[in-house]
C-alpha cells in the first residue's frame, strides 16, 4: 500500500512538472528510455575491455539522440545518468552534456553535445567532436563544436561583457598514463553557433608578462589532485599553483600543487590572472590531499566523475531552472 501511495505521488509530481512543456506520454517514454540509457552510460565507464566500452558508447549515443528528438525533451532532466555531466546556464537557454571513455591508459576520449532550449520544443543539437589529439597548441586554439578540445565539465560560470553572455566552463581530462588536465574554457555563441576559446585569459598584471591564451590548461602529475574551482565569495576562479617536484617544469607529469593559490578575475571581457590569491602560508603537513580518479588497482571510481574537482559541495555540477521527476540526493 505504501509503495502504491509513493507511485501515485511520483506520477502526480511528474504531471505537474512537465504538463506545460512536455506531453505526459512523451515524458513516460523518456523515463523508459532513461533506464536503458543508464545501463549503457554505466558500461561506458565500467566495462572491462575497450570493445565493450566502444559498443556501450555507440549504443548510448544513438539512443540518446533519439530520445532528445522527442518534442520538449529539453525539460526532461535525465537525472539517473550519473556518469554524464549535465550543466545549464542561469537562464536555461541551453544545456551541455559531456562524458569520457577510456580507450587505454594513454588514450582517453571525451564526447558531448549542446542542446538548445527552443521555443517550440524541437531539437537543436550541436554534437561535440573531440579534436584534442590532432591539435598542436590546445591553449591557443579557437574552434566550434566540430573542433572541440574535449573535457568533462563540472562547473559553468556566466559572465557578461558589452551586453553579451560568456559561459566559462571548468573541466577535467584524464589525459594519459602520466598526467591529468584541468581546463578553463570560455564558450559563447556567434550567430547561434557555439564557439570555444578566444583571447579571454590575460596575464598583463603579472610581474612577468605572458601572452594571452585562448584557454587555460593545468596539466599535472597523475597521482595528484590540484584544486580548480569558482569561489563565489571572491567572485573569481581559484586554483592551486603547480611546481615541478624534480625541477623540470617543462615535464608536465612532474607538476604537483605546492599549497599556494592563484586565480582569474573577470574584468572587461577577460579573465585577468591574479598571481597570488591568499597571503597565508599552508602549514607543513596540511597541504591539500590528492583525489585521483582511479583507485589503487587502476580502476575508475565512477562516483568521482560527478565531482571530479576536489571542490566543496556547492561547486558540484548543478542544473539551474530544470524540473526533476524525483528529487535525488547526491
C-alpha atoms as a PDB file:
ATOM      1  CA  UNK A   1       0.000   0.000   0.000  1.00  0.00           C
ATOM      2  CA  UNK A   2       2.857   2.334   0.871  1.00  0.00           C
ATOM      3  CA  UNK A   3       4.540   1.649  -2.479  1.00  0.00           C
ATOM      4  CA  UNK A   4       1.297   2.369  -4.329  1.00  0.00           C
ATOM      5  CA  UNK A   5       0.943   5.685  -2.491  1.00  0.00           C
ATOM      6  CA  UNK A   6       4.517   6.680  -3.413  1.00  0.00           C
ATOM      7  CA  UNK A   7       3.871   5.757  -7.066  1.00  0.00           C
ATOM      8  CA  UNK A   8       0.772   7.976  -7.164  1.00  0.00           C
ATOM      9  CA  UNK A   9       2.683  10.886  -5.623  1.00  0.00           C
ATOM     10  CA  UNK A  10       5.523  10.399  -8.128  1.00  0.00           C
ATOM     11  CA  UNK A  11       3.157  10.366 -11.116  1.00  0.00           C
ATOM     12  CA  UNK A  12       1.353  13.468  -9.842  1.00  0.00           C
ATOM     13  CA  UNK A  13       4.630  15.331  -9.438  1.00  0.00           C
ATOM     14  CA  UNK A  14       5.682  14.254 -12.912  1.00  0.00           C
ATOM     15  CA  UNK A  15       2.448  15.551 -14.432  1.00  0.00           C
ATOM     16  CA  UNK A  16       2.751  18.880 -12.613  1.00  0.00           C
ATOM     17  CA  UNK A  17       6.387  19.400 -13.628  1.00  0.00           C
ATOM     18  CA  UNK A  18       6.061  18.576 -17.292  1.00  0.00           C
ATOM     19  CA  UNK A  19       2.469  19.385 -18.258  1.00  0.00           C
ATOM     20  CA  UNK A  20       3.360  22.830 -19.609  1.00  0.00           C
ATOM     21  CA  UNK A  21       6.453  21.799 -21.607  1.00  0.00           C
ATOM     22  CA  UNK A  22       6.450  18.059 -22.198  1.00  0.00           C
ATOM     23  CA  UNK A  23       3.491  15.882 -23.067  1.00  0.00           C
ATOM     24  CA  UNK A  24       2.761  13.239 -20.443  1.00  0.00           C
ATOM     25  CA  UNK A  25       3.056  10.378 -22.934  1.00  0.00           C
ATOM     26  CA  UNK A  26       6.415  11.702 -24.146  1.00  0.00           C
ATOM     27  CA  UNK A  27       7.613  12.075 -20.564  1.00  0.00           C
ATOM     28  CA  UNK A  28       6.711   8.455 -19.801  1.00  0.00           C
ATOM     29  CA  UNK A  29       8.519   7.348 -22.968  1.00  0.00           C
ATOM     30  CA  UNK A  30      11.641   9.287 -21.943  1.00  0.00           C
ATOM     31  CA  UNK A  31      11.549   7.756 -18.483  1.00  0.00           C
ATOM     32  CA  UNK A  32      11.516   4.309 -20.061  1.00  0.00           C
ATOM     33  CA  UNK A  33      14.397   5.193 -22.394  1.00  0.00           C
ATOM     34  CA  UNK A  34      16.343   6.592 -19.477  1.00  0.00           C
ATOM     35  CA  UNK A  35      16.520   3.135 -17.872  1.00  0.00           C
ATOM     36  CA  UNK A  36      18.300   1.718 -20.927  1.00  0.00           C
ATOM     37  CA  UNK A  37      20.470   4.805 -21.275  1.00  0.00           C
ATOM     38  CA  UNK A  38      21.580   4.421 -17.671  1.00  0.00           C
ATOM     39  CA  UNK A  39      22.837   0.896 -18.336  1.00  0.00           C
ATOM     40  CA  UNK A  40      24.823   1.960 -21.391  1.00  0.00           C
ATOM     41  CA  UNK A  41      26.220   5.079 -19.723  1.00  0.00           C
ATOM     42  CA  UNK A  42      27.491   2.997 -16.821  1.00  0.00           C
ATOM     43  CA  UNK A  43      29.075   0.492 -19.204  1.00  0.00           C
ATOM     44  CA  UNK A  44      30.979   3.301 -20.931  1.00  0.00           C
ATOM     45  CA  UNK A  45      32.845   3.668 -17.632  1.00  0.00           C
ATOM     46  CA  UNK A  46      32.673   0.233 -16.057  1.00  0.00           C
ATOM     47  CA  UNK A  47      33.037  -2.223 -18.943  1.00  0.00           C
ATOM     48  CA  UNK A  48      36.275  -4.183 -18.556  1.00  0.00           C
ATOM     49  CA  UNK A  49      37.607  -4.097 -22.119  1.00  0.00           C
ATOM     50  CA  UNK A  50      37.704  -1.299 -24.736  1.00  0.00           C
ATOM     51  CA  UNK A  51      35.488  -3.206 -27.190  1.00  0.00           C
ATOM     52  CA  UNK A  52      32.622  -3.267 -24.699  1.00  0.00           C
ATOM     53  CA  UNK A  53      33.147   0.394 -23.833  1.00  0.00           C
ATOM     54  CA  UNK A  54      33.091   1.310 -27.537  1.00  0.00           C
ATOM     55  CA  UNK A  55      29.878  -0.667 -28.026  1.00  0.00           C
ATOM     56  CA  UNK A  56      28.218   0.895 -24.986  1.00  0.00           C
ATOM     57  CA  UNK A  57      29.218   4.403 -26.114  1.00  0.00           C
ATOM     58  CA  UNK A  58      27.857   3.817 -29.625  1.00  0.00           C
ATOM     59  CA  UNK A  59      24.546   2.417 -28.383  1.00  0.00           C
ATOM     60  CA  UNK A  60      24.218   5.158 -25.768  1.00  0.00           C
ATOM     61  CA  UNK A  61      24.854   7.936 -28.298  1.00  0.00           C
ATOM     62  CA  UNK A  62      22.338   6.623 -30.836  1.00  0.00           C
ATOM     63  CA  UNK A  63      19.627   6.058 -28.222  1.00  0.00           C
ATOM     64  CA  UNK A  64      20.318   9.387 -26.532  1.00  0.00           C
ATOM     65  CA  UNK A  65      19.914  11.347 -29.775  1.00  0.00           C
ATOM     66  CA  UNK A  66      16.627   9.531 -30.490  1.00  0.00           C
ATOM     67  CA  UNK A  67      15.405  10.443 -27.005  1.00  0.00           C
ATOM     68  CA  UNK A  68      16.390  14.085 -27.441  1.00  0.00           C
ATOM     69  CA  UNK A  69      14.343  14.242 -30.660  1.00  0.00           C
ATOM     70  CA  UNK A  70      11.166  13.917 -28.578  1.00  0.00           C
ATOM     71  CA  UNK A  71       9.448  17.299 -28.603  1.00  0.00           C
ATOM     72  CA  UNK A  72      10.110  19.104 -25.334  1.00  0.00           C
ATOM     73  CA  UNK A  73      12.937  16.775 -24.299  1.00  0.00           C
ATOM     74  CA  UNK A  74      14.960  19.762 -23.079  1.00  0.00           C
ATOM     75  CA  UNK A  75      12.748  19.779 -19.989  1.00  0.00           C
ATOM     76  CA  UNK A  76      13.466  16.165 -19.141  1.00  0.00           C
ATOM     77  CA  UNK A  77      16.442  16.141 -16.702  1.00  0.00           C
ATOM     78  CA  UNK A  78      17.940  12.655 -17.299  1.00  0.00           C
ATOM     79  CA  UNK A  79      18.959  12.702 -13.641  1.00  0.00           C
ATOM     80  CA  UNK A  80      19.714   8.995 -13.390  1.00  0.00           C
ATOM     81  CA  UNK A  81      22.560   9.250 -15.938  1.00  0.00           C
ATOM     82  CA  UNK A  82      25.116   9.718 -13.183  1.00  0.00           C
ATOM     83  CA  UNK A  83      28.226   9.284 -15.372  1.00  0.00           C
ATOM     84  CA  UNK A  84      27.057  12.010 -17.758  1.00  0.00           C
ATOM     85  CA  UNK A  85      27.745  15.619 -16.781  1.00  0.00           C
ATOM     86  CA  UNK A  86      24.801  17.986 -17.346  1.00  0.00           C
ATOM     87  CA  UNK A  87      25.242  21.755 -16.971  1.00  0.00           C
ATOM     88  CA  UNK A  88      22.795  24.637 -17.525  1.00  0.00           C
ATOM     89  CA  UNK A  89      23.373  28.413 -17.570  1.00  0.00           C
ATOM     90  CA  UNK A  90      21.228  30.525 -15.218  1.00  0.00           C
ATOM     91  CA  UNK A  91      18.757  31.374 -17.990  1.00  0.00           C
ATOM     92  CA  UNK A  92      18.456  27.713 -19.141  1.00  0.00           C
ATOM     93  CA  UNK A  93      18.944  28.796 -22.752  1.00  0.00           C
ATOM     94  CA  UNK A  94      20.886  25.577 -23.396  1.00  0.00           C
ATOM     95  CA  UNK A  95      22.432  22.633 -21.631  1.00  0.00           C
ATOM     96  CA  UNK A  96      25.693  20.847 -22.250  1.00  0.00           C
ATOM     97  CA  UNK A  97      26.284  17.119 -21.808  1.00  0.00           C
ATOM     98  CA  UNK A  98      29.811  15.694 -21.512  1.00  0.00           C
ATOM     99  CA  UNK A  99      31.285  12.309 -20.680  1.00  0.00           C
ATOM    100  CA  UNK A 100      34.509  10.389 -21.187  1.00  0.00           C
ATOM    101  CA  UNK A 101      35.531   6.981 -22.487  1.00  0.00           C
ATOM    102  CA  UNK A 102      38.864   5.452 -21.513  1.00  0.00           C
ATOM    103  CA  UNK A 103      40.196   3.527 -24.504  1.00  0.00           C
ATOM    104  CA  UNK A 104      43.543   2.699 -22.908  1.00  0.00           C
ATOM    105  CA  UNK A 105      45.899   4.132 -20.292  1.00  0.00           C
ATOM    106  CA  UNK A 106      47.205   6.559 -22.900  1.00  0.00           C
ATOM    107  CA  UNK A 107      44.058   7.231 -24.938  1.00  0.00           C
ATOM    108  CA  UNK A 108      41.009   8.951 -23.448  1.00  0.00           C
ATOM    109  CA  UNK A 109      38.200  10.499 -25.479  1.00  0.00           C
ATOM    110  CA  UNK A 110      35.555  12.966 -24.369  1.00  0.00           C
ATOM    111  CA  UNK A 111      32.146  13.079 -26.003  1.00  0.00           C
ATOM    112  CA  UNK A 112      29.338  15.561 -25.616  1.00  0.00           C
ATOM    113  CA  UNK A 113      26.586  17.713 -27.071  1.00  0.00           C
ATOM    114  CA  UNK A 114      24.913  21.093 -26.605  1.00  0.00           C
ATOM    115  CA  UNK A 115      21.113  21.076 -26.646  1.00  0.00           C
ATOM    116  CA  UNK A 116      19.435  24.434 -27.200  1.00  0.00           C
ATOM    117  CA  UNK A 117      16.195  25.365 -25.447  1.00  0.00           C
ATOM    118  CA  UNK A 118      13.961  26.053 -28.467  1.00  0.00           C
ATOM    119  CA  UNK A 119      10.644  27.907 -28.297  1.00  0.00           C
ATOM    120  CA  UNK A 120       8.676  25.124 -29.987  1.00  0.00           C
ATOM    121  CA  UNK A 121      10.398  22.253 -28.159  1.00  0.00           C
ATOM    122  CA  UNK A 122      12.060  20.904 -31.316  1.00  0.00           C
ATOM    123  CA  UNK A 123      15.597  19.562 -31.190  1.00  0.00           C
ATOM    124  CA  UNK A 124      18.538  21.833 -31.957  1.00  0.00           C
ATOM    125  CA  UNK A 125      21.656  19.871 -31.103  1.00  0.00           C
ATOM    126  CA  UNK A 126      25.363  20.563 -31.567  1.00  0.00           C
ATOM    127  CA  UNK A 127      27.467  17.390 -31.207  1.00  0.00           C
ATOM    128  CA  UNK A 128      30.886  17.996 -29.651  1.00  0.00           C
ATOM    129  CA  UNK A 129      33.727  16.371 -31.596  1.00  0.00           C
ATOM    130  CA  UNK A 130      36.938  15.905 -29.599  1.00  0.00           C
ATOM    131  CA  UNK A 131      39.893  17.079 -31.714  1.00  0.00           C
ATOM    132  CA  UNK A 132      42.406  17.443 -28.905  1.00  0.00           C
ATOM    133  CA  UNK A 133      44.547  14.539 -30.173  1.00  0.00           C
ATOM    134  CA  UNK A 134      45.198  16.303 -33.509  1.00  0.00           C
ATOM    135  CA  UNK A 135      45.606  19.813 -32.102  1.00  0.00           C
ATOM    136  CA  UNK A 136      49.157  21.104 -31.633  1.00  0.00           C
ATOM    137  CA  UNK A 137      48.516  24.159 -29.423  1.00  0.00           C
ATOM    138  CA  UNK A 138      45.399  23.500 -27.355  1.00  0.00           C
ATOM    139  CA  UNK A 139      45.835  26.666 -25.292  1.00  0.00           C
ATOM    140  CA  UNK A 140      45.886  28.827 -28.433  1.00  0.00           C
ATOM    141  CA  UNK A 141      43.077  27.253 -30.478  1.00  0.00           C
ATOM    142  CA  UNK A 142      39.605  28.606 -31.219  1.00  0.00           C
ATOM    143  CA  UNK A 143      37.052  26.174 -32.601  1.00  0.00           C
ATOM    144  CA  UNK A 144      33.383  25.387 -32.998  1.00  0.00           C
ATOM    145  CA  UNK A 145      31.626  22.245 -31.797  1.00  0.00           C
ATOM    146  CA  UNK A 146      33.404  20.227 -34.503  1.00  0.00           C
ATOM    147  CA  UNK A 147      36.808  21.372 -33.264  1.00  0.00           C
ATOM    148  CA  UNK A 148      36.244  20.830 -29.542  1.00  0.00           C
ATOM    149  CA  UNK A 149      39.216  20.320 -27.196  1.00  0.00           C
ATOM    150  CA  UNK A 150      37.393  17.773 -25.024  1.00  0.00           C
ATOM    151  CA  UNK A 151      36.733  17.739 -21.267  1.00  0.00           C
ATOM    152  CA  UNK A 152      34.154  16.552 -18.763  1.00  0.00           C
ATOM    153  CA  UNK A 153      32.721  19.818 -17.461  1.00  0.00           C
ATOM    154  CA  UNK A 154      31.756  20.162 -13.818  1.00  0.00           C
ATOM    155  CA  UNK A 155      31.081  23.901 -13.403  1.00  0.00           C
ATOM    156  CA  UNK A 156      29.676  26.740 -15.530  1.00  0.00           C
ATOM    157  CA  UNK A 157      30.129  30.450 -14.783  1.00  0.00           C
ATOM    158  CA  UNK A 158      28.148  33.030 -16.733  1.00  0.00           C
ATOM    159  CA  UNK A 159      29.725  36.463 -17.245  1.00  0.00           C
ATOM    160  CA  UNK A 160      28.819  39.401 -19.456  1.00  0.00           C
ATOM    161  CA  UNK A 161      30.716  41.983 -21.462  1.00  0.00           C
ATOM    162  CA  UNK A 162      29.295  44.617 -23.808  1.00  0.00           C
ATOM    163  CA  UNK A 163      25.829  43.115 -23.337  1.00  0.00           C
ATOM    164  CA  UNK A 164      26.954  39.649 -24.463  1.00  0.00           C
ATOM    165  CA  UNK A 165      26.940  36.443 -22.419  1.00  0.00           C
ATOM    166  CA  UNK A 166      30.012  34.272 -21.963  1.00  0.00           C
ATOM    167  CA  UNK A 167      29.929  30.847 -20.338  1.00  0.00           C
ATOM    168  CA  UNK A 168      33.153  29.754 -18.661  1.00  0.00           C
ATOM    169  CA  UNK A 169      33.447  26.001 -18.215  1.00  0.00           C
ATOM    170  CA  UNK A 170      35.684  24.212 -15.727  1.00  0.00           C
ATOM    171  CA  UNK A 171      36.553  20.740 -16.988  1.00  0.00           C
ATOM    172  CA  UNK A 172      38.578  17.617 -16.371  1.00  0.00           C
ATOM    173  CA  UNK A 173      40.545  15.442 -18.802  1.00  0.00           C
ATOM    174  CA  UNK A 174      42.117  12.146 -17.748  1.00  0.00           C
ATOM    175  CA  UNK A 175      44.865  12.819 -20.229  1.00  0.00           C
ATOM    176  CA  UNK A 176      47.233   9.838 -20.290  1.00  0.00           C
ATOM    177  CA  UNK A 177      49.070   7.338 -18.109  1.00  0.00           C
ATOM    178  CA  UNK A 178      51.349  10.020 -16.610  1.00  0.00           C
ATOM    179  CA  UNK A 179      49.262  13.184 -16.314  1.00  0.00           C
ATOM    180  CA  UNK A 180      45.756  14.604 -15.970  1.00  0.00           C
ATOM    181  CA  UNK A 181      44.495  18.004 -17.039  1.00  0.00           C
ATOM    182  CA  UNK A 182      42.004  20.557 -15.796  1.00  0.00           C
ATOM    183  CA  UNK A 183      40.787  23.141 -18.261  1.00  0.00           C
ATOM    184  CA  UNK A 184      39.188  26.593 -18.102  1.00  0.00           C
ATOM    185  CA  UNK A 185      37.232  27.103 -21.315  1.00  0.00           C
ATOM    186  CA  UNK A 186      35.089  30.031 -22.495  1.00  0.00           C
ATOM    187  CA  UNK A 187      32.018  29.218 -24.590  1.00  0.00           C
ATOM    188  CA  UNK A 188      29.950  31.822 -26.383  1.00  0.00           C
ATOM    189  CA  UNK A 189      27.554  31.852 -29.330  1.00  0.00           C
ATOM    190  CA  UNK A 190      28.136  33.629 -32.629  1.00  0.00           C
ATOM    191  CA  UNK A 191      25.038  33.843 -34.847  1.00  0.00           C
ATOM    192  CA  UNK A 192      23.540  30.999 -32.827  1.00  0.00           C
ATOM    193  CA  UNK A 193      26.582  28.755 -33.264  1.00  0.00           C
ATOM    194  CA  UNK A 194      28.809  27.681 -30.335  1.00  0.00           C
ATOM    195  CA  UNK A 195      32.417  28.805 -30.249  1.00  0.00           C
ATOM    196  CA  UNK A 196      35.031  27.553 -27.810  1.00  0.00           C
ATOM    197  CA  UNK A 197      38.116  29.565 -26.924  1.00  0.00           C
ATOM    198  CA  UNK A 198      39.307  33.079 -27.613  1.00  0.00           C
ATOM    199  CA  UNK A 199      41.692  35.663 -26.178  1.00  0.00           C
ATOM    200  CA  UNK A 200      39.961  35.614 -22.809  1.00  0.00           C
ATOM    201  CA  UNK A 201      42.922  34.945 -20.492  1.00  0.00           C
ATOM    202  CA  UNK A 202      45.211  37.872 -19.739  1.00  0.00           C
ATOM    203  CA  UNK A 203      48.455  37.987 -17.737  1.00  0.00           C
ATOM    204  CA  UNK A 204      49.034  41.731 -18.075  1.00  0.00           C
ATOM    205  CA  UNK A 205      49.026  42.273 -14.306  1.00  0.00           C
ATOM    206  CA  UNK A 206      51.728  39.664 -13.666  1.00  0.00           C
ATOM    207  CA  UNK A 207      55.230  40.665 -12.648  1.00  0.00           C
ATOM    208  CA  UNK A 208      56.476  38.747 -15.677  1.00  0.00           C
ATOM    209  CA  UNK A 209      54.173  39.336 -18.639  1.00  0.00           C
ATOM    210  CA  UNK A 210      52.915  36.369 -20.653  1.00  0.00           C
ATOM    211  CA  UNK A 211      50.962  36.255 -23.916  1.00  0.00           C
ATOM    212  CA  UNK A 212      47.183  35.960 -23.768  1.00  0.00           C
ATOM    213  CA  UNK A 213      45.826  32.444 -24.306  1.00  0.00           C
ATOM    214  CA  UNK A 214      42.553  31.077 -25.653  1.00  0.00           C
ATOM    215  CA  UNK A 215      42.040  28.610 -22.807  1.00  0.00           C
ATOM    216  CA  UNK A 216      43.875  27.857 -19.585  1.00  0.00           C
ATOM    217  CA  UNK A 217      45.166  24.305 -19.135  1.00  0.00           C
ATOM    218  CA  UNK A 218      46.542  22.813 -15.922  1.00  0.00           C
ATOM    219  CA  UNK A 219      48.457  19.615 -16.642  1.00  0.00           C
ATOM    220  CA  UNK A 220      49.843  17.808 -13.626  1.00  0.00           C
ATOM    221  CA  UNK A 221      51.126  14.545 -12.178  1.00  0.00           C
ATOM    222  CA  UNK A 222      48.612  11.704 -12.396  1.00  0.00           C
ATOM    223  CA  UNK A 223      48.546  10.912  -8.689  1.00  0.00           C
ATOM    224  CA  UNK A 224      47.851  14.474  -7.535  1.00  0.00           C
ATOM    225  CA  UNK A 225      44.624  16.470  -7.486  1.00  0.00           C
ATOM    226  CA  UNK A 226      45.128  20.240  -7.582  1.00  0.00           C
ATOM    227  CA  UNK A 227      42.022  22.239  -6.884  1.00  0.00           C
ATOM    228  CA  UNK A 228      40.314  24.282  -9.593  1.00  0.00           C
ATOM    229  CA  UNK A 229      37.020  25.891  -8.638  1.00  0.00           C
ATOM    230  CA  UNK A 230      34.987  29.083  -8.686  1.00  0.00           C
ATOM    231  CA  UNK A 231      34.823  30.968  -5.389  1.00  0.00           C
ATOM    232  CA  UNK A 232      31.556  32.900  -5.224  1.00  0.00           C
ATOM    233  CA  UNK A 233      32.681  34.955  -2.221  1.00  0.00           C
ATOM    234  CA  UNK A 234      35.808  36.126  -4.032  1.00  0.00           C
ATOM    235  CA  UNK A 235      33.947  36.181  -7.383  1.00  0.00           C
ATOM    236  CA  UNK A 236      36.900  34.590  -9.097  1.00  0.00           C
ATOM    237  CA  UNK A 237      38.277  31.312 -10.385  1.00  0.00           C
ATOM    238  CA  UNK A 238      40.754  29.906  -7.865  1.00  0.00           C
ATOM    239  CA  UNK A 239      43.268  27.130  -8.435  1.00  0.00           C
ATOM    240  CA  UNK A 240      46.403  25.703  -6.865  1.00  0.00           C
ATOM    241  CA  UNK A 241      49.799  26.754  -8.073  1.00  0.00           C
ATOM    242  CA  UNK A 242      51.897  23.935  -9.544  1.00  0.00           C
ATOM    243  CA  UNK A 243      55.619  23.299  -9.100  1.00  0.00           C
ATOM    244  CA  UNK A 244      57.830  20.586 -10.575  1.00  0.00           C
ATOM    245  CA  UNK A 245      58.868  18.050  -7.966  1.00  0.00           C
ATOM    246  CA  UNK A 246      62.056  17.389  -9.979  1.00  0.00           C
ATOM    247  CA  UNK A 247      62.784  20.995 -11.033  1.00  0.00           C
ATOM    248  CA  UNK A 248      61.751  20.142 -14.615  1.00  0.00           C
ATOM    249  CA  UNK A 249      58.717  22.406 -15.230  1.00  0.00           C
ATOM    250  CA  UNK A 250      58.543  21.553 -18.931  1.00  0.00           C
ATOM    251  CA  UNK A 251      57.721  17.944 -17.969  1.00  0.00           C
ATOM    252  CA  UNK A 252      54.091  18.407 -17.031  1.00  0.00           C
ATOM    253  CA  UNK A 253      53.866  14.981 -15.390  1.00  0.00           C
ATOM    254  CA  UNK A 254      56.230  16.271 -12.666  1.00  0.00           C
ATOM    255  CA  UNK A 255      53.966  19.176 -11.639  1.00  0.00           C
ATOM    256  CA  UNK A 256      52.319  18.983  -8.217  1.00  0.00           C
ATOM    257  CA  UNK A 257      50.386  21.542  -6.104  1.00  0.00           C
ATOM    258  CA  UNK A 258      52.541  23.489  -3.652  1.00  0.00           C
ATOM    259  CA  UNK A 259      49.789  24.899  -1.421  1.00  0.00           C
ATOM    260  CA  UNK A 260      49.724  28.418  -2.922  1.00  0.00           C
ATOM    261  CA  UNK A 261      46.694  29.658  -4.860  1.00  0.00           C
ATOM    262  CA  UNK A 262      46.385  31.803  -7.954  1.00  0.00           C
ATOM    263  CA  UNK A 263      43.291  32.763  -9.896  1.00  0.00           C
ATOM    264  CA  UNK A 264      41.429  34.662 -12.606  1.00  0.00           C
ATOM    265  CA  UNK A 265      39.147  37.678 -12.128  1.00  0.00           C
ATOM    266  CA  UNK A 266      36.644  38.698 -14.837  1.00  0.00           C
ATOM    267  CA  UNK A 267      37.289  42.252 -15.986  1.00  0.00           C
ATOM    268  CA  UNK A 268      36.132  43.967 -19.200  1.00  0.00           C
ATOM    269  CA  UNK A 269      35.569  40.766 -21.141  1.00  0.00           C
ATOM    270  CA  UNK A 270      38.666  38.892 -19.977  1.00  0.00           C
ATOM    271  CA  UNK A 271      39.780  36.642 -17.175  1.00  0.00           C
ATOM    272  CA  UNK A 272      42.723  38.566 -15.707  1.00  0.00           C
ATOM    273  CA  UNK A 273      45.332  36.470 -13.902  1.00  0.00           C
ATOM    274  CA  UNK A 274      45.913  37.029 -10.176  1.00  0.00           C
ATOM    275  CA  UNK A 275      49.333  35.710  -9.202  1.00  0.00           C
ATOM    276  CA  UNK A 276      48.624  35.145  -5.505  1.00  0.00           C
ATOM    277  CA  UNK A 277      45.109  34.883  -4.081  1.00  0.00           C
ATOM    278  CA  UNK A 278      45.945  34.230  -0.437  1.00  0.00           C
ATOM    279  CA  UNK A 279      48.877  35.558   1.541  1.00  0.00           C
ATOM    280  CA  UNK A 280      48.884  32.972   4.303  1.00  0.00           C
ATOM    281  CA  UNK A 281      51.283  30.023   4.094  1.00  0.00           C
ATOM    282  CA  UNK A 282      49.911  26.479   4.220  1.00  0.00           C
ATOM    283  CA  UNK A 283      51.252  24.830   7.430  1.00  0.00           C
ATOM    284  CA  UNK A 284      53.557  21.891   6.947  1.00  0.00           C
ATOM    285  CA  UNK A 285      51.652  18.615   6.817  1.00  0.00           C
ATOM    286  CA  UNK A 286      48.350  20.333   5.952  1.00  0.00           C
ATOM    287  CA  UNK A 287      48.694  20.532   2.197  1.00  0.00           C
ATOM    288  CA  UNK A 288      45.600  19.597   0.126  1.00  0.00           C
ATOM    289  CA  UNK A 289      45.137  15.846  -0.226  1.00  0.00           C
ATOM    290  CA  UNK A 290      45.148  14.492  -3.811  1.00  0.00           C
ATOM    291  CA  UNK A 291      41.946  12.990  -5.145  1.00  0.00           C
ATOM    292  CA  UNK A 292      42.842  10.729  -8.111  1.00  0.00           C
ATOM    293  CA  UNK A 293      40.084   9.439 -10.383  1.00  0.00           C
ATOM    294  CA  UNK A 294      41.473   5.897 -10.272  1.00  0.00           C
ATOM    295  CA  UNK A 295      41.774   3.724  -7.192  1.00  0.00           C
ATOM    296  CA  UNK A 296      44.912   1.825  -6.197  1.00  0.00           C
ATOM    297  CA  UNK A 297      44.182  -1.069  -8.599  1.00  0.00           C
ATOM    298  CA  UNK A 298      43.860   1.318 -11.521  1.00  0.00           C
ATOM    299  CA  UNK A 299      40.076   1.112 -11.870  1.00  0.00           C
ATOM    300  CA  UNK A 300      37.969   4.213 -12.459  1.00  0.00           C
ATOM    301  CA  UNK A 301      35.949   5.365  -9.443  1.00  0.00           C
ATOM    302  CA  UNK A 302      32.630   6.234 -11.065  1.00  0.00           C
ATOM    303  CA  UNK A 303      31.326   8.442  -8.278  1.00  0.00           C
ATOM    304  CA  UNK A 304      34.180  10.888  -8.813  1.00  0.00           C
ATOM    305  CA  UNK A 305      33.026  11.616 -12.354  1.00  0.00           C
ATOM    306  CA  UNK A 306      30.210  13.598 -10.786  1.00  0.00           C
ATOM    307  CA  UNK A 307      32.613  15.618  -8.628  1.00  0.00           C
ATOM    308  CA  UNK A 308      35.911  15.335 -10.443  1.00  0.00           C
ATOM    309  CA  UNK A 309      37.201  18.547  -8.993  1.00  0.00           C
ATOM    310  CA  UNK A 310      38.025  18.343  -5.270  1.00  0.00           C
ATOM    311  CA  UNK A 311      35.845  21.389  -4.747  1.00  0.00           C
ATOM    312  CA  UNK A 312      33.290  21.870  -1.973  1.00  0.00           C
ATOM    313  CA  UNK A 313      29.792  20.515  -2.436  1.00  0.00           C
ATOM    314  CA  UNK A 314      28.424  23.810  -3.688  1.00  0.00           C
ATOM    315  CA  UNK A 315      30.800  23.623  -6.666  1.00  0.00           C
ATOM    316  CA  UNK A 316      29.425  20.317  -7.997  1.00  0.00           C
ATOM    317  CA  UNK A 317      27.554  20.312 -11.314  1.00  0.00           C
ATOM    318  CA  UNK A 318      24.061  21.663 -10.861  1.00  0.00           C
ATOM    319  CA  UNK A 319      21.214  22.233 -13.270  1.00  0.00           C
ATOM    320  CA  UNK A 320      19.532  25.608 -12.994  1.00  0.00           C
ATOM    321  CA  UNK A 321      15.807  26.040 -13.579  1.00  0.00           C
ATOM    322  CA  UNK A 322      15.260  22.429 -14.594  1.00  0.00           C
ATOM    323  CA  UNK A 323      12.433  20.230 -13.442  1.00  0.00           C
ATOM    324  CA  UNK A 324      13.003  16.940 -11.739  1.00  0.00           C
ATOM    325  CA  UNK A 325      10.809  13.867 -11.683  1.00  0.00           C
ATOM    326  CA  UNK A 326      12.013  12.671  -8.329  1.00  0.00           C
ATOM    327  CA  UNK A 327      14.393  14.623  -6.167  1.00  0.00           C
ATOM    328  CA  UNK A 328      17.535  12.598  -5.558  1.00  0.00           C
ATOM    329  CA  UNK A 329      20.290  13.119  -3.063  1.00  0.00           C
ATOM    330  CA  UNK A 330      23.873  13.423  -4.348  1.00  0.00           C
END
